Amino acid sequence: MADEITELRLFVAIVQAGNLSAASRALNASTAAMSRGLSNLESRLGVRLVTRTTRSFELTEEGRAFYERCERIIVDIDEAEAEASSKGNSVRGNLRIGAPMEIGRRLIGPLIARFSATYPGTKVHLTLSDSGFDVIDDALDVALRVGLPSDTSVVAKKLQSTKRIVCASPEYFARHGKPQTPHDLRMHNCIRLVRGRRILNDWLFQQNGEKFTVTVNGTLSTTSGEVVHDLVRTGNGIALKATWDLQKELTSGVIVQCLEEYWCDTIDLFAICASRQNPGISRFHRTTVT
């Protein structure tokens, strides 16, 4: 029975991933093993479930009906396991987390260290990247991201909110002076983030309920929030940073805020995980209470 359930999970994961390669990455298995498992399932059932092409596949009529039943079965099994395991009192299992570089290092790293020490039956793997994650394709239990995702097939929970502030080191302000209004930033060396091919040089402000943007410039730009942080701390320019990245430096005075009377935008940190309609992941990477 266990092998049959594994086959069902495999089939559901392949269908939801859209092709064998994506499914193999999600389940941490080789494409050959995925193909072999699908062939074994079709052989056992005596029916063709998918029509394969070189890069993808299409469900047959029998395959679509079988998938719909399998999906409901896997959800029921996962719910039953979660209900049974909740009767225990110890946490065990594997937990895979993806997070942006700076948030992961400054906020999540210390948290997972304490979590692991509290629950020695768990193994936690933290992956950091500023390029973003896909919880299914990247085989993650949870991914942290700034801003609500547009993908409606995932579950998103807001963890915390913060605002962005304009800041620099005391040394920078001593050499170049503090801007008195957002428009003064045009005369300063502003350190800007890069996302894809776009430089984030339009900084948002509001005063008396009115929002406006100021286009800034400077000699330094980077794809890394951590590099921005280091450049600000060492006096190389002014940046727009989230306060959750600056707590220690703001307290110690290593980094100083300016333009306090002009409210910058608020940003939210979300935890993203696959919904129950994507049960193929949870079987392989899940922390359970038993």
Protein backbone atom coordinates (compact mmCIF):
# COMPACT_ATOMS: atom_id res chain seq x y z
CA MET A 1 0.00 0.00 0.00
CA ALA A 2 2.85 2.42 0.82
CA ASP A 3 4.32 1.97 -2.66
CA GLU A 4 0.92 2.61 -4.22
CA ILE A 5 0.49 5.84 -2.26
CA THR A 6 3.97 6.91 -3.32
CA GLU A 7 2.98 6.31 -6.94
CA LEU A 8 -0.14 8.44 -6.48
CA ARG A 9 1.90 11.26 -4.98
CA LEU A 10 4.37 10.99 -7.82
CA PHE A 11 1.64 11.22 -10.44
CA VAL A 12 -0.01 14.21 -8.76
CA ALA A 13 3.35 16.01 -8.47
CA ILE A 14 4.12 15.41 -12.16
CA VAL A 15 0.76 16.76 -13.29
CA GLN A 16 0.99 19.84 -11.07
CA ALA A 17 4.57 20.58 -12.13
CA GLY A 18 3.64 20.38 -15.82
CA ASN A 19 6.60 18.28 -16.90
CA LEU A 20 8.97 15.63 -15.62
CA SER A 21 11.94 17.97 -15.18
CA ALA A 22 10.08 20.39 -12.92
CA ALA A 23 8.60 17.52 -10.93
CA SER A 24 12.03 15.93 -10.46
CA ARG A 25 13.39 19.21 -9.06
CA ALA A 26 10.44 19.57 -6.71
CA LEU A 27 10.76 16.03 -5.40
CA ASN A 28 14.56 15.92 -5.46
CA ALA A 29 14.57 12.91 -7.79
CA SER A 30 16.07 12.23 -11.19
CA THR A 31 14.00 12.74 -14.33
CA ALA A 32 14.68 9.10 -15.25
CA ALA A 33 13.26 7.95 -11.91
CA MET A 34 10.16 10.09 -12.43
CA SER A 35 9.64 8.68 -15.93
CA ARG A 36 10.16 5.14 -14.67
CA GLY A 37 7.67 5.66 -11.84
CA LEU A 38 5.06 6.99 -14.25
CA SER A 39 5.58 4.04 -16.60
CA ASN A 40 5.27 1.60 -13.70
CA LEU A 41 2.01 3.22 -12.62
CA GLU A 42 0.58 3.03 -16.15
CA SER A 43 1.68 -0.58 -16.42
CA ARG A 44 0.05 -1.50 -13.12
CA LEU A 45 -3.21 0.20 -14.08
CA GLY A 46 -3.13 -1.08 -17.65
CA VAL A 47 -4.03 2.33 -19.09
CA ARG A 48 -2.13 5.27 -20.57
CA LEU A 49 -2.43 8.30 -18.32
CA VAL A 50 -0.48 10.87 -20.31
CA THR A 51 0.56 11.50 -23.89
CA ARG A 52 4.20 12.54 -23.75
CA THR A 53 6.08 14.95 -25.98
CA THR A 54 9.74 15.94 -25.85
CA ARG A 55 9.17 18.86 -23.46
CA SER A 56 5.77 18.32 -21.82
CA PHE A 57 2.77 16.03 -21.78
CA GLU A 58 -1.01 16.05 -21.95
CA LEU A 59 -3.36 14.06 -19.77
CA THR A 60 -5.49 11.48 -21.48
CA GLU A 61 -9.17 11.34 -20.61
CA GLU A 62 -8.45 8.46 -18.24
CA GLY A 63 -5.46 10.32 -16.83
CA ARG A 64 -7.49 13.44 -16.04
CA ALA A 65 -10.16 11.47 -14.21
CA PHE A 66 -7.49 9.51 -12.33
CA TYR A 67 -5.66 12.72 -11.37
CA GLU A 68 -8.79 14.31 -9.89
CA ARG A 69 -9.39 11.26 -7.70
CA CYS A 70 -5.70 11.03 -6.70
CA GLU A 71 -5.58 14.68 -5.71
CA ARG A 72 -8.51 14.26 -3.32
CA ILE A 73 -6.99 11.08 -1.88
CA ILE A 74 -3.61 12.71 -1.18
CA VAL A 75 -5.24 15.70 0.51
CA ASP A 76 -7.26 13.35 2.73
CA ILE A 77 -4.13 11.37 3.64
CA ASP A 78 -2.17 14.52 4.51
CA GLU A 79 -5.02 15.84 6.66
CA ALA A 80 -5.32 12.50 8.44
CA GLU A 81 -1.57 12.40 9.13
CA ALA A 82 -1.57 15.98 10.40
CA GLU A 83 -4.51 15.29 12.70
CA ALA A 84 -2.92 12.14 14.09
CA SER A 85 0.51 13.70 14.52
CA SER A 86 -0.93 16.70 16.39
CA LYS A 87 -1.69 14.39 19.32
CA GLY A 88 1.99 14.15 20.16
CA ASN A 89 4.31 16.66 21.77
CA SER A 90 7.61 16.65 19.87
CA VAL A 91 8.55 18.30 16.59
CA ARG A 92 10.59 16.40 14.04
CA GLY A 93 11.26 16.40 10.31
CA ASN A 94 12.93 18.49 7.61
CA LEU A 95 12.17 22.16 7.06
CA ARG A 96 13.35 23.96 3.91
CA ILE A 97 13.14 27.76 3.96
CA GLY A 98 13.93 30.32 1.27
CA ALA A 99 14.48 33.99 2.11
CA PRO A 100 16.01 37.20 0.70
CA MET A 101 19.69 37.58 1.53
CA GLU A 102 19.58 40.35 4.11
CA ILE A 103 16.33 39.27 5.79
CA GLY A 104 17.59 35.71 5.92
CA ARG A 105 20.92 36.61 7.46
CA ARG A 106 19.74 39.23 9.94
CA LEU A 107 16.29 37.97 10.93
CA ILE A 108 15.76 34.33 9.94
CA GLY A 109 19.23 32.94 10.64
CA PRO A 110 19.11 33.63 14.40
CA LEU A 111 15.51 32.36 14.56
CA ILE A 112 16.25 28.99 12.95
CA ALA A 113 19.28 28.55 15.21
CA ARG A 114 17.01 28.88 18.25
CA PHE A 115 14.36 26.69 16.61
CA SER A 116 16.86 23.93 15.92
CA ALA A 117 18.19 24.08 19.48
CA THR A 118 14.65 23.90 20.87
CA TYR A 119 13.60 21.04 18.59
CA PRO A 120 16.66 18.80 18.06
CA GLY A 121 14.55 16.34 16.08
CA THR A 122 14.37 18.79 13.17
CA LYS A 123 16.74 19.59 10.33
CA VAL A 124 16.49 23.10 8.86
CA HIS A 125 17.91 24.14 5.50
CA LEU A 126 17.94 27.88 4.76
CA THR A 127 18.48 29.07 1.17
CA LEU A 128 19.17 32.78 0.57
CA SER A 129 18.67 34.64 -2.69
CA ASP A 130 17.50 38.08 -3.78
CA SER A 131 16.13 36.61 -7.02
CA GLY A 132 12.98 35.22 -5.39
CA PHE A 133 11.73 31.67 -4.93
CA ASP A 134 9.02 29.34 -6.18
CA VAL A 135 7.99 27.11 -3.29
CA ILE A 136 7.07 24.26 -5.64
CA ASP A 137 9.83 24.39 -8.25
CA ASP A 138 12.45 25.09 -5.57
CA ALA A 139 11.10 22.31 -3.30
CA LEU A 140 10.62 24.62 -0.30
CA ASP A 141 8.27 24.28 2.64
CA VAL A 142 8.10 28.03 3.01
CA ALA A 143 9.50 31.03 1.14
CA LEU A 144 9.73 34.53 2.56
CA ARG A 145 9.19 37.48 0.27
CA VAL A 146 8.50 41.19 0.44
CA GLY A 147 5.07 41.97 -0.97
CA LEU A 148 2.01 39.85 -1.64
CA PRO A 149 2.58 37.32 -4.47
CA SER A 150 0.36 37.40 -7.56
CA ASP A 151 0.21 33.59 -7.70
CA THR A 152 -3.20 32.58 -6.33
CA SER A 153 -2.21 28.90 -6.12
CA VAL A 154 -0.10 29.49 -2.99
CA VAL A 155 -0.97 30.37 0.59
CA ALA A 156 0.41 33.70 1.87
CA LYS A 157 0.53 34.87 5.49
CA LYS A 158 1.77 38.32 6.47
CA LEU A 159 4.46 38.10 9.14
CA GLN A 160 5.26 41.74 9.78
CA SER A 161 5.26 45.22 8.29
CA THR A 162 7.83 47.97 8.35
CA LYS A 163 8.52 51.24 6.63
CA ARG A 164 11.43 52.29 4.49
CA ILE A 165 13.51 55.22 5.64
CA VAL A 166 16.14 57.41 4.02
CA CYS A 167 19.43 56.96 5.84
CA ALA A 168 23.20 57.36 5.73
CA SER A 169 26.16 57.28 8.08
CA PRO A 170 27.04 60.28 10.31
CA GLU A 171 30.30 60.57 8.36
CA TYR A 172 28.45 60.99 5.07
CA PHE A 173 26.19 63.69 6.49
CA ALA A 174 29.22 65.44 8.04
CA ARG A 175 30.87 65.66 4.60
CA HIS A 176 27.82 66.41 2.43
CA GLY A 177 25.14 67.75 4.75
CA LYS A 178 21.65 66.40 5.40
CA PRO A 179 18.93 66.79 2.78
CA GLN A 180 16.12 68.98 4.10
CA THR A 181 13.46 67.84 1.63
CA PRO A 182 13.17 64.75 -0.61
CA HIS A 183 13.97 66.89 -3.63
CA ASP A 184 17.40 67.64 -2.12
CA LEU A 185 18.27 63.96 -2.72
CA ARG A 186 18.94 64.85 -6.35
CA MET A 187 22.14 66.56 -5.15
CA HIS A 188 23.33 63.50 -3.19
CA ASN A 189 24.98 60.20 -4.05
CA CYS A 190 22.09 57.77 -3.67
CA ILE A 191 22.77 54.04 -3.57
CA ARG A 192 20.09 52.21 -5.55
CA LEU A 193 18.88 48.65 -5.74
CA VAL A 194 18.59 46.82 -9.06
CA ARG A 195 15.82 44.31 -9.75
CA GLY A 196 16.15 42.53 -13.07
CA ARG A 197 17.05 45.20 -15.61
CA ARG A 198 15.37 47.98 -13.64
CA ILE A 199 17.17 50.38 -11.32
CA LEU A 200 14.92 51.39 -8.43
CA ASN A 201 15.63 55.10 -8.57
CA ASP A 202 12.07 56.43 -8.05
CA TRP A 203 11.71 56.83 -4.28
CA LEU A 204 8.20 57.26 -2.89
CA PHE A 205 7.31 59.87 -0.25
CA GLN A 206 4.18 61.39 1.21
CA GLN A 207 3.42 64.53 3.14
CA ASN A 208 0.06 65.74 4.41
CA GLY A 209 -1.59 62.76 2.74
CA GLU A 210 -0.14 63.51 -0.71
CA LYS A 211 2.18 60.97 -2.34
CA PHE A 212 4.99 61.92 -4.72
CA THR A 213 8.15 60.34 -6.10
CA VAL A 214 11.64 61.72 -6.43
CA THR A 215 13.99 60.32 -9.06
CA VAL A 216 17.41 59.94 -7.47
CA ASN A 217 20.81 59.26 -8.97
CA GLY A 218 24.25 58.23 -7.88
CA THR A 219 27.43 56.39 -8.74
CA LEU A 220 26.54 53.11 -7.01
CA SER A 221 23.85 50.52 -7.70
CA THR A 222 23.63 46.82 -6.88
CA THR A 223 21.33 43.80 -6.91
CA SER A 224 22.20 43.04 -3.27
CA GLY A 225 20.44 44.61 -0.32
CA GLU A 226 23.35 43.54 1.86
CA VAL A 227 25.81 45.46 -0.32
CA VAL A 228 23.59 48.55 -0.08
CA HIS A 229 23.64 48.14 3.70
CA ASP A 230 27.44 47.92 3.82
CA LEU A 231 27.90 50.88 1.47
CA VAL A 232 25.64 53.03 3.62
CA ARG A 233 27.34 51.97 6.84
CA THR A 234 30.78 52.86 5.46
CA GLY A 235 29.74 56.35 4.36
CA ASN A 236 29.46 55.89 0.60
CA GLY A 237 26.03 57.44 0.11
CA ILE A 238 22.35 57.66 1.04
CA ALA A 239 19.93 54.75 0.68
CA LEU A 240 16.28 53.85 1.10
CA LYS A 241 16.22 50.90 3.51
CA ALA A 242 13.66 48.88 5.46
CA THR A 243 13.90 49.55 9.20
CA TRP A 244 13.99 45.81 9.98
CA ASP A 245 17.41 45.73 8.28
CA LEU A 246 18.76 48.60 10.38
CA GLN A 247 17.67 47.98 13.96
CA LYS A 248 21.14 47.54 15.48
CA GLU A 249 22.76 50.36 13.48
CA LEU A 250 19.97 52.85 14.21
CA THR A 251 20.21 52.06 17.94
CA SER A 252 24.00 52.42 18.00
CA GLY A 253 24.05 55.49 15.74
CA VAL A 254 26.20 53.86 13.07
CA ILE A 255 23.43 54.70 10.59
CA VAL A 256 21.21 57.78 10.95
CA GLN A 257 17.77 58.50 9.52
CA CYS A 258 16.93 61.72 7.72
CA LEU A 259 13.76 63.26 6.24
CA GLU A 260 11.78 61.83 9.17
CA GLU A 261 8.81 64.11 8.51
CA TYR A 262 8.33 62.63 5.04
CA TRP A 263 6.68 59.20 5.23
CA CYS A 264 8.12 56.62 2.85
CA ASP A 265 6.20 53.55 1.74
CA THR A 266 5.35 50.62 4.02
CA ILE A 267 6.43 47.11 3.04
CA ASP A 268 5.13 43.73 4.20
CA LEU A 269 6.96 40.45 4.73
CA PHE A 270 4.97 37.36 3.73
CA ALA A 271 5.49 33.65 4.31
CA ILE A 272 4.53 31.66 1.20
CA CYS A 273 3.77 27.95 1.12
CA ALA A 274 2.10 25.56 -1.30
CA SER A 275 -1.64 25.15 -0.89
CA ARG A 276 -3.30 21.83 -0.14
CA GLN A 277 -4.04 21.61 -3.84
CA ASN A 278 -0.28 21.03 -4.27
CA PRO A 279 0.18 18.06 -1.93
CA GLY A 280 3.13 16.55 -3.77
CA ILE A 281 5.65 18.70 -1.93
CA SER A 282 4.56 18.15 1.65
CA ARG A 283 5.22 14.40 1.48
CA PHE A 284 8.92 14.97 0.92
CA HIS A 285 9.72 18.16 2.87
CA ARG A 286 7.57 18.62 5.93
CA THR A 287 8.03 19.28 9.61
CA THR A 288 5.41 17.38 11.60
CA VAL A 289 4.38 17.19 15.22
CA THR A 290 4.38 13.59 16.49
